């Protein structure tokens, strides 16, 4: 029985080694998946940042149509020259000019709100921002993005008002030899539509937050965007992270054990007030070696060397049967035959050495 016992030990060692390798593979797979996911999150965060900057450049180009319109420039010049209250006819004519230009902008590039401000930062006319309707003293000159535009610069920024807004501003010149007559500001609300468009174009699951809470979110197919709502319970701690405070981006963090995220500050004034965005990804990991079967698709299974596995099983089974025959079946048959011979009187006694 020595060979059989040796074979049992070999099988036990092989089984133990297989289990160890599977557990090791599970750990290595999860660690590699976590590292790849963190790199992917960093990439997603950067892509969203690039998208916001590129979107600002494209929308700034759309503002040229407003800035070069002579009717807008003329009325802004009159408003800037007016002492005290801006004449109503100037406001009305400027509003008509804004509407006319705005109607020629493609829908996908349209602004949610457009403001025309004079040299003093007063809003002479506006489109889309209904909160300011009837407010004759409404002004935007205190915002750096507007102040820069009034000094001849093209700027973009993120403002935190009643909601988050991505804004771009351009100077409007009437007399080339003097200061700009005013500026035109285009604003895009960071709403559900904005988040959905951003997610579709970047492929990232993204949520925006302000005042310590999530505002809007969107995600590609296969990702439940409601999982990003978990940031509401994590924001207070995440915003105190050393990396977030120093460079404006946090390390990857796990929320609820089922989604991993990276927080980033929004560019501009809103970012200084604590507003930002978060990108998320679902973890690619397995809980046990058996979970590999659930993760594997038909392509993975097709690449498995089934012939090698079947051959190893066949060889192991064959060796086991050989050892069993040599150390069990053959001695039993010999013993049986010797017993028959003893019963018939062909032999006088049993010889144990023959049964081994």
Foldseek 3Di string as FASTA:
>chain_A
DVLLVVLVVVVVVVVVVVQVVLVVVQVVVQVVLVVVQLVVQVVLVVLLQVVLVVLLVVLLVLCVLVQPDQQLQVLLLQQQPDDDFRDPVSLVSNQVSVVVSQVPDDPVSHFQKKFWAFLVQFTSYMPNPVVCPPPRRDGDCVFPQQVVQQQADWDWAWDQDVAIKTKIKHFHCNDVVDGGRGMMMGIHGCAQVVQAVSCVVSVWWKFKDAPLATHYTDHDPPDDNVQVRLCSVVLVVQCPDPCCVPPQKGRWDDGPNFKIKIWGAGPHDRSVRPITMMTIDTGDHDPGSVCVVVVDDPVNVVPDPVVVVVVVVVVSVVSSVVVCCVQPVVLVVVVVVVVVCVVVVVDVDDDVVSSD
